[in-house]
C-alpha atoms as a PDB file:
ATOM      1  CA  UNK A   1     -13.428 -27.825  57.002  1.00  0.00           C
ATOM      2  CA  UNK A   2     -10.018 -26.238  56.828  1.00  0.00           C
ATOM      3  CA  UNK A   3     -12.461 -23.225  57.218  1.00  0.00           C
ATOM      4  CA  UNK A   4     -13.914 -23.404  60.531  1.00  0.00           C
ATOM      5  CA  UNK A   5     -10.611 -24.924  61.883  1.00  0.00           C
ATOM      6  CA  UNK A   6      -9.376 -21.415  60.991  1.00  0.00           C
ATOM      7  CA  UNK A   7     -11.962 -19.731  61.869  1.00  0.00           C
ATOM      8  CA  UNK A   8     -11.291 -21.534  65.234  1.00  0.00           C
ATOM      9  CA  UNK A   9      -7.738 -20.843  65.946  1.00  0.00           C
ATOM     10  CA  UNK A  10      -8.065 -16.927  65.298  1.00  0.00           C
ATOM     11  CA  UNK A  11     -10.676 -16.844  67.835  1.00  0.00           C
ATOM     12  CA  UNK A  12      -9.115 -18.370  70.547  1.00  0.00           C
ATOM     13  CA  UNK A  13      -6.063 -16.707  69.594  1.00  0.00           C
ATOM     14  CA  UNK A  14      -7.919 -13.404  69.912  1.00  0.00           C
ATOM     15  CA  UNK A  15      -9.443 -14.992  73.329  1.00  0.00           C
ATOM     16  CA  UNK A  16      -6.154 -15.396  74.905  1.00  0.00           C
ATOM     17  CA  UNK A  17      -5.425 -11.638  73.555  1.00  0.00           C
ATOM     18  CA  UNK A  18      -7.733 -10.383  75.547  1.00  0.00           C
ATOM     19  CA  UNK A  19      -7.812 -12.699  78.895  1.00  0.00           C
ATOM     20  CA  UNK A  20      -3.371 -11.302  78.432  1.00  0.00           C
ATOM     21  CA  UNK A  21      -4.425  -8.159  78.466  1.00  0.00           C
ATOM     22  CA  UNK A  22      -6.879  -8.798  82.046  1.00  0.00           C
ATOM     23  CA  UNK A  23      -4.242 -10.115  83.514  1.00  0.00           C
ATOM     24  CA  UNK A  24      -1.714  -7.393  82.802  1.00  0.00           C
ATOM     25  CA  UNK A  25      -4.418  -4.094  84.084  1.00  0.00           C
ATOM     26  CA  UNK A  26      -2.882  -3.704  87.351  1.00  0.00           C
ATOM     27  CA  UNK A  27      -4.455  -1.501  90.151  1.00  0.00           C
ATOM     28  CA  UNK A  28      -2.571   1.233  91.463  1.00  0.00           C
ATOM     29  CA  UNK A  29      -0.948   0.338  94.329  1.00  0.00           C
ATOM     30  CA  UNK A  30      -0.640   2.102  97.429  1.00  0.00           C
ATOM     31  CA  UNK A  31       2.458   3.359  99.903  1.00  0.00           C
ATOM     32  CA  UNK A  32       2.803   3.645 103.076  1.00  0.00           C
ATOM     33  CA  UNK A  33       6.757   5.441 101.494  1.00  0.00           C
ATOM     34  CA  UNK A  34       5.489   7.625  99.145  1.00  0.00           C
ATOM     35  CA  UNK A  35       7.288  10.747 101.000  1.00  0.00           C
ATOM     36  CA  UNK A  36       4.906  14.097 102.000  1.00  0.00           C
ATOM     37  CA  UNK A  37       5.295  18.014 102.381  1.00  0.00           C
ATOM     38  CA  UNK A  38       4.278  18.247 104.830  1.00  0.00           C
ATOM     39  CA  UNK A  39       1.205  16.907 108.298  1.00  0.00           C
ATOM     40  CA  UNK A  40      -1.674  18.004 109.366  1.00  0.00           C
ATOM     41  CA  UNK A  41      -2.459  18.244 112.969  1.00  0.00           C
ATOM     42  CA  UNK A  42      -5.678  19.956 115.009  1.00  0.00           C
ATOM     43  CA  UNK A  43      -5.680  20.250 118.676  1.00  0.00           C
ATOM     44  CA  UNK A  44      -8.275  18.607 119.938  1.00  0.00           C
ATOM     45  CA  UNK A  45      -8.491  15.085 119.061  1.00  0.00           C
ATOM     46  CA  UNK A  46      -8.161  13.127 122.283  1.00  0.00           C
ATOM     47  CA  UNK A  47      -5.358   9.972 123.288  1.00  0.00           C
ATOM     48  CA  UNK A  48      -6.783   6.847 124.010  1.00  0.00           C
ATOM     49  CA  UNK A  49      -5.505   4.426 121.873  1.00  0.00           C
ATOM     50  CA  UNK A  50      -2.567   3.936 119.370  1.00  0.00           C
ATOM     51  CA  UNK A  51      -1.271   5.505 116.264  1.00  0.00           C
ATOM     52  CA  UNK A  52      -2.093   3.495 113.146  1.00  0.00           C
ATOM     53  CA  UNK A  53       0.292   2.743 110.625  1.00  0.00           C
ATOM     54  CA  UNK A  54       0.269   5.475 107.627  1.00  0.00           C
ATOM     55  CA  UNK A  55      -0.969   4.815 104.647  1.00  0.00           C
ATOM     56  CA  UNK A  56      -1.031   7.028 101.416  1.00  0.00           C
ATOM     57  CA  UNK A  57      -2.316   7.271  98.200  1.00  0.00           C
ATOM     58  CA  UNK A  58      -1.121   5.790  94.953  1.00  0.00           C
ATOM     59  CA  UNK A  59       1.969   7.647  93.410  1.00  0.00           C
ATOM     60  CA  UNK A  60       0.197  10.456  91.067  1.00  0.00           C
ATOM     61  CA  UNK A  61      -3.147  10.502  93.162  1.00  0.00           C
ATOM     62  CA  UNK A  62      -4.405  12.388  95.586  1.00  0.00           C
ATOM     63  CA  UNK A  63      -7.439  13.066  98.158  1.00  0.00           C
ATOM     64  CA  UNK A  64     -10.570  14.294  96.701  1.00  0.00           C
ATOM     65  CA  UNK A  65     -13.259  12.688  99.128  1.00  0.00           C
ATOM     66  CA  UNK A  66     -13.457  10.815 102.107  1.00  0.00           C
ATOM     67  CA  UNK A  67     -15.682   8.171 103.838  1.00  0.00           C
ATOM     68  CA  UNK A  68     -16.862   7.620 107.332  1.00  0.00           C
ATOM     69  CA  UNK A  69     -17.235   4.408 109.074  1.00  0.00           C
ATOM     70  CA  UNK A  70     -19.662   5.241 111.892  1.00  0.00           C
ATOM     71  CA  UNK A  71     -21.072   3.746 114.908  1.00  0.00           C
ATOM     72  CA  UNK A  72     -25.080   5.104 114.650  1.00  0.00           C
ATOM     73  CA  UNK A  73     -26.511   6.389 118.667  1.00  0.00           C
ATOM     74  CA  UNK A  74     -27.934   2.917 120.183  1.00  0.00           C
ATOM     75  CA  UNK A  75     -29.505   4.570 123.393  1.00  0.00           C
ATOM     76  CA  UNK A  76     -28.028   2.328 126.945  1.00  0.00           C
ATOM     77  CA  UNK A  77     -25.936   1.509 126.150  1.00  0.00           C
ATOM     78  CA  UNK A  78     -22.035   2.386 125.159  1.00  0.00           C
ATOM     79  CA  UNK A  79     -21.079   4.685 122.101  1.00  0.00           C
ATOM     80  CA  UNK A  80     -18.276   5.115 119.900  1.00  0.00           C
ATOM     81  CA  UNK A  81     -19.638   7.241 117.298  1.00  0.00           C
ATOM     82  CA  UNK A  82     -16.416   7.804 114.232  1.00  0.00           C
ATOM     83  CA  UNK A  83     -14.571   4.550 114.176  1.00  0.00           C
ATOM     84  CA  UNK A  84     -12.998   4.848 110.500  1.00  0.00           C
ATOM     85  CA  UNK A  85     -11.496   7.545 107.982  1.00  0.00           C
ATOM     86  CA  UNK A  86     -10.955   6.345 104.811  1.00  0.00           C
ATOM     87  CA  UNK A  87      -9.745   8.716 102.296  1.00  0.00           C
ATOM     88  CA  UNK A  88     -10.431   8.301  98.237  1.00  0.00           C
ATOM     89  CA  UNK A  89      -7.350   9.141  95.646  1.00  0.00           C
ATOM     90  CA  UNK A  90      -7.754  10.248  92.659  1.00  0.00           C
ATOM     91  CA  UNK A  91      -5.140  11.073  89.340  1.00  0.00           C
ATOM     92  CA  UNK A  92      -4.298  14.095  87.601  1.00  0.00           C
ATOM     93  CA  UNK A  93      -5.403  16.548  84.688  1.00  0.00           C
ATOM     94  CA  UNK A  94      -3.531  19.373  84.401  1.00  0.00           C
ATOM     95  CA  UNK A  95      -3.251  20.366  87.892  1.00  0.00           C
ATOM     96  CA  UNK A  96      -7.563  19.278  88.927  1.00  0.00           C
ATOM     97  CA  UNK A  97      -9.191  15.416  89.832  1.00  0.00           C
ATOM     98  CA  UNK A  98     -10.128  14.194  85.963  1.00  0.00           C
ATOM     99  CA  UNK A  99     -12.106  11.208  87.864  1.00  0.00           C
ATOM    100  CA  UNK A 100     -14.170  10.740  90.486  1.00  0.00           C
ATOM    101  CA  UNK A 101     -15.177   7.584  89.016  1.00  0.00           C
ATOM    102  CA  UNK A 102     -11.526   5.834  88.482  1.00  0.00           C
ATOM    103  CA  UNK A 103      -9.848   5.722  91.773  1.00  0.00           C
ATOM    104  CA  UNK A 104      -8.075   4.487  94.963  1.00  0.00           C
ATOM    105  CA  UNK A 105      -9.529   4.034  98.555  1.00  0.00           C
ATOM    106  CA  UNK A 106      -6.708   4.220 101.313  1.00  0.00           C
ATOM    107  CA  UNK A 107      -7.282   3.958 105.677  1.00  0.00           C
ATOM    108  CA  UNK A 108      -5.261   3.903 109.065  1.00  0.00           C
ATOM    109  CA  UNK A 109      -6.599   1.355 111.667  1.00  0.00           C
ATOM    110  CA  UNK A 110      -9.933   1.260 112.283  1.00  0.00           C
ATOM    111  CA  UNK A 111     -12.870   0.549 115.398  1.00  0.00           C
ATOM    112  CA  UNK A 112     -15.031  -2.726 115.591  1.00  0.00           C
ATOM    113  CA  UNK A 113     -18.390  -0.502 115.058  1.00  0.00           C
ATOM    114  CA  UNK A 114     -20.438   0.894 112.676  1.00  0.00           C
ATOM    115  CA  UNK A 115     -20.798   1.177 109.358  1.00  0.00           C
ATOM    116  CA  UNK A 116     -19.521   2.665 106.216  1.00  0.00           C
ATOM    117  CA  UNK A 117     -20.933   5.724 105.197  1.00  0.00           C
ATOM    118  CA  UNK A 118     -21.245   7.665 101.102  1.00  0.00           C
ATOM    119  CA  UNK A 119     -18.065   8.544  99.893  1.00  0.00           C
ATOM    120  CA  UNK A 120     -18.325  12.368  99.696  1.00  0.00           C
ATOM    121  CA  UNK A 121     -16.050  14.127  97.201  1.00  0.00           C
ATOM    122  CA  UNK A 122     -14.877  17.620  96.130  1.00  0.00           C
ATOM    123  CA  UNK A 123     -16.491  19.312  93.160  1.00  0.00           C
ATOM    124  CA  UNK A 124     -13.660  20.036  92.612  1.00  0.00           C
ATOM    125  CA  UNK A 125      -9.215  19.887  93.414  1.00  0.00           C
ATOM    126  CA  UNK A 126      -9.019  18.148  95.639  1.00  0.00           C
ATOM    127  CA  UNK A 127      -8.426  17.787 100.410  1.00  0.00           C
ATOM    128  CA  UNK A 128      -6.747  20.890 101.601  1.00  0.00           C
ATOM    129  CA  UNK A 129      -6.985  21.390 105.591  1.00  0.00           C
ATOM    130  CA  UNK A 130      -9.604  19.014 108.125  1.00  0.00           C
ATOM    131  CA  UNK A 131     -11.168  19.899 110.865  1.00  0.00           C
ATOM    132  CA  UNK A 132     -12.788  17.802 114.069  1.00  0.00           C
ATOM    133  CA  UNK A 133     -15.282  17.097 116.342  1.00  0.00           C
ATOM    134  CA  UNK A 134     -14.999  15.690 119.435  1.00  0.00           C
ATOM    135  CA  UNK A 135     -15.952  14.747 122.738  1.00  0.00           C
ATOM    136  CA  UNK A 136     -14.466  15.453 126.131  1.00  0.00           C
ATOM    137  CA  UNK A 137     -13.563  13.266 128.360  1.00  0.00           C
ATOM    138  CA  UNK A 138     -17.113  12.137 130.339  1.00  0.00           C
ATOM    139  CA  UNK A 139     -15.798  10.938 133.584  1.00  0.00           C
ATOM    140  CA  UNK A 140     -17.829   8.410 135.260  1.00  0.00           C
ATOM    141  CA  UNK A 141     -20.001   8.576 131.402  1.00  0.00           C
ATOM    142  CA  UNK A 142     -19.446   7.244 127.795  1.00  0.00           C
ATOM    143  CA  UNK A 143     -16.479   8.126 126.348  1.00  0.00           C
ATOM    144  CA  UNK A 144     -17.340   8.882 122.843  1.00  0.00           C
ATOM    145  CA  UNK A 145     -13.515  10.567 121.470  1.00  0.00           C
ATOM    146  CA  UNK A 146     -14.465  11.564 117.556  1.00  0.00           C
ATOM    147  CA  UNK A 147     -17.918  12.139 116.519  1.00  0.00           C
ATOM    148  CA  UNK A 148     -17.237  13.951 113.078  1.00  0.00           C
ATOM    149  CA  UNK A 149     -15.167  15.211 111.078  1.00  0.00           C
ATOM    150  CA  UNK A 150     -15.046  17.994 108.620  1.00  0.00           C
ATOM    151  CA  UNK A 151     -12.457  19.108 104.780  1.00  0.00           C
ATOM    152  CA  UNK A 152     -11.934  22.081 103.190  1.00  0.00           C
ATOM    153  CA  UNK A 153     -11.060  20.940  99.136  1.00  0.00           C
ATOM    154  CA  UNK A 154      -8.805  23.761  97.140  1.00  0.00           C
ATOM    155  CA  UNK A 155     -11.665  25.161  95.002  1.00  0.00           C
ATOM    156  CA  UNK A 156     -12.822  26.477  98.683  1.00  0.00           C
ATOM    157  CA  UNK A 157     -15.765  24.088  98.917  1.00  0.00           C
ATOM    158  CA  UNK A 158     -16.425  22.098 102.332  1.00  0.00           C
ATOM    159  CA  UNK A 159     -17.432  18.287 102.223  1.00  0.00           C
ATOM    160  CA  UNK A 160     -19.470  17.872 106.160  1.00  0.00           C
ATOM    161  CA  UNK A 161     -19.378  13.671 107.276  1.00  0.00           C
ATOM    162  CA  UNK A 162     -22.694  12.151 108.754  1.00  0.00           C
ATOM    163  CA  UNK A 163     -21.411  11.782 112.188  1.00  0.00           C
ATOM    164  CA  UNK A 164     -22.596  11.914 115.130  1.00  0.00           C
ATOM    165  CA  UNK A 165     -24.003  14.734 117.343  1.00  0.00           C
ATOM    166  CA  UNK A 166     -21.986  15.017 120.763  1.00  0.00           C
ATOM    167  CA  UNK A 167     -18.946  17.388 121.045  1.00  0.00           C
ATOM    168  CA  UNK A 168     -17.567  19.968 119.746  1.00  0.00           C
ATOM    169  CA  UNK A 169     -15.751  21.150 116.466  1.00  0.00           C
ATOM    170  CA  UNK A 170     -12.172  21.661 117.040  1.00  0.00           C
ATOM    171  CA  UNK A 171     -10.084  24.426 115.165  1.00  0.00           C
ATOM    172  CA  UNK A 172      -8.856  24.604 111.799  1.00  0.00           C
ATOM    173  CA  UNK A 173      -6.104  22.090 110.569  1.00  0.00           C
ATOM    174  CA  UNK A 174      -3.220  24.003 108.203  1.00  0.00           C
ATOM    175  CA  UNK A 175      -3.591  23.323 105.413  1.00  0.00           C
ATOM    176  CA  UNK A 176      -1.772  22.561 102.790  1.00  0.00           C
ATOM    177  CA  UNK A 177       1.340  23.170 101.391  1.00  0.00           C
ATOM    178  CA  UNK A 178       1.774  21.147  98.175  1.00  0.00           C
ATOM    179  CA  UNK A 179      -1.782  19.710  95.712  1.00  0.00           C
ATOM    180  CA  UNK A 180      -3.807  17.716  98.141  1.00  0.00           C
ATOM    181  CA  UNK A 181      -3.880  15.040 100.932  1.00  0.00           C
ATOM    182  CA  UNK A 182      -2.702  12.024 100.245  1.00  0.00           C
ATOM    183  CA  UNK A 183      -2.915   9.843 102.802  1.00  0.00           C
ATOM    184  CA  UNK A 184      -3.896   9.335 106.805  1.00  0.00           C
ATOM    185  CA  UNK A 185      -2.869   7.875 109.553  1.00  0.00           C
ATOM    186  CA  UNK A 186      -5.601   7.379 113.257  1.00  0.00           C
ATOM    187  CA  UNK A 187      -5.185   6.917 116.305  1.00  0.00           C
ATOM    188  CA  UNK A 188      -7.579   4.281 117.033  1.00  0.00           C
ATOM    189  CA  UNK A 189      -8.574   2.256 120.931  1.00  0.00           C
ATOM    190  CA  UNK A 190      -9.277  -1.484 121.058  1.00  0.00           C
ATOM    191  CA  UNK A 191     -12.042  -2.660 122.737  1.00  0.00           C
ATOM    192  CA  UNK A 192     -12.232  -2.701 125.846  1.00  0.00           C
ATOM    193  CA  UNK A 193     -14.104  -4.993 126.861  1.00  0.00           C
ATOM    194  CA  UNK A 194     -16.809  -4.381 129.977  1.00  0.00           C
ATOM    195  CA  UNK A 195     -14.814  -1.181 129.929  1.00  0.00           C
ATOM    196  CA  UNK A 196     -16.073   2.224 128.171  1.00  0.00           C
ATOM    197  CA  UNK A 197     -15.205   1.812 124.948  1.00  0.00           C
ATOM    198  CA  UNK A 198     -14.169   4.564 122.226  1.00  0.00           C
ATOM    199  CA  UNK A 199     -13.314   3.446 118.939  1.00  0.00           C
ATOM    200  CA  UNK A 200     -11.245   6.138 116.977  1.00  0.00           C
ATOM    201  CA  UNK A 201      -9.638   9.120 119.563  1.00  0.00           C
ATOM    202  CA  UNK A 202      -7.552  11.658 116.652  1.00  0.00           C
ATOM    203  CA  UNK A 203      -6.168  11.804 113.307  1.00  0.00           C
ATOM    204  CA  UNK A 204      -3.326  13.617 110.942  1.00  0.00           C
ATOM    205  CA  UNK A 205      -3.149  13.906 107.358  1.00  0.00           C
ATOM    206  CA  UNK A 206      -0.374  13.801 104.943  1.00  0.00           C
ATOM    207  CA  UNK A 207      -0.186  16.482 101.672  1.00  0.00           C
ATOM    208  CA  UNK A 208       2.629  15.553  98.747  1.00  0.00           C
ATOM    209  CA  UNK A 209       3.582  18.237  95.771  1.00  0.00           C
END
């Protein structure tokens, strides 16, 4: 009986240690105050809406992938196209992405429509530049503003988003000063009620050493 009680006590101690260890595991904290070296912009973003908050990858992490929130064309109605952009940040090992299984996702303001697409990852390295596909103002027609985005990876690869067809590609942003993109801020128009909705209009990226 004494041996049985001793075994039960040992199991309780081990279980307690496991719970304690699990409760001590913390996900990387996102930061709006992380120091950045350069800011990337493009010239073809639209002006509707307002700039949202800046959100940065956790310290020591850099964006190696992204995903988009997109509303598919709805036919006879008010299209908004690109609604949101998320960056997916990973740690580095010897200057390269260490793993795509342990990552932190960051994003700024997001529109109200669409669904999130799958993550696209750089084959190696980090995101270092981007270009935006934007539809010009349509006058009395249906404005959609930003429709898609493409990134350049530090390895030389390109990642094209799964956005919609309208608009034209603008010029590339500057290339990162530092290791790679580490933060994002978006310009999003709030729902207009009976007016013309455009959702995401423009985006800025931040680069860290």
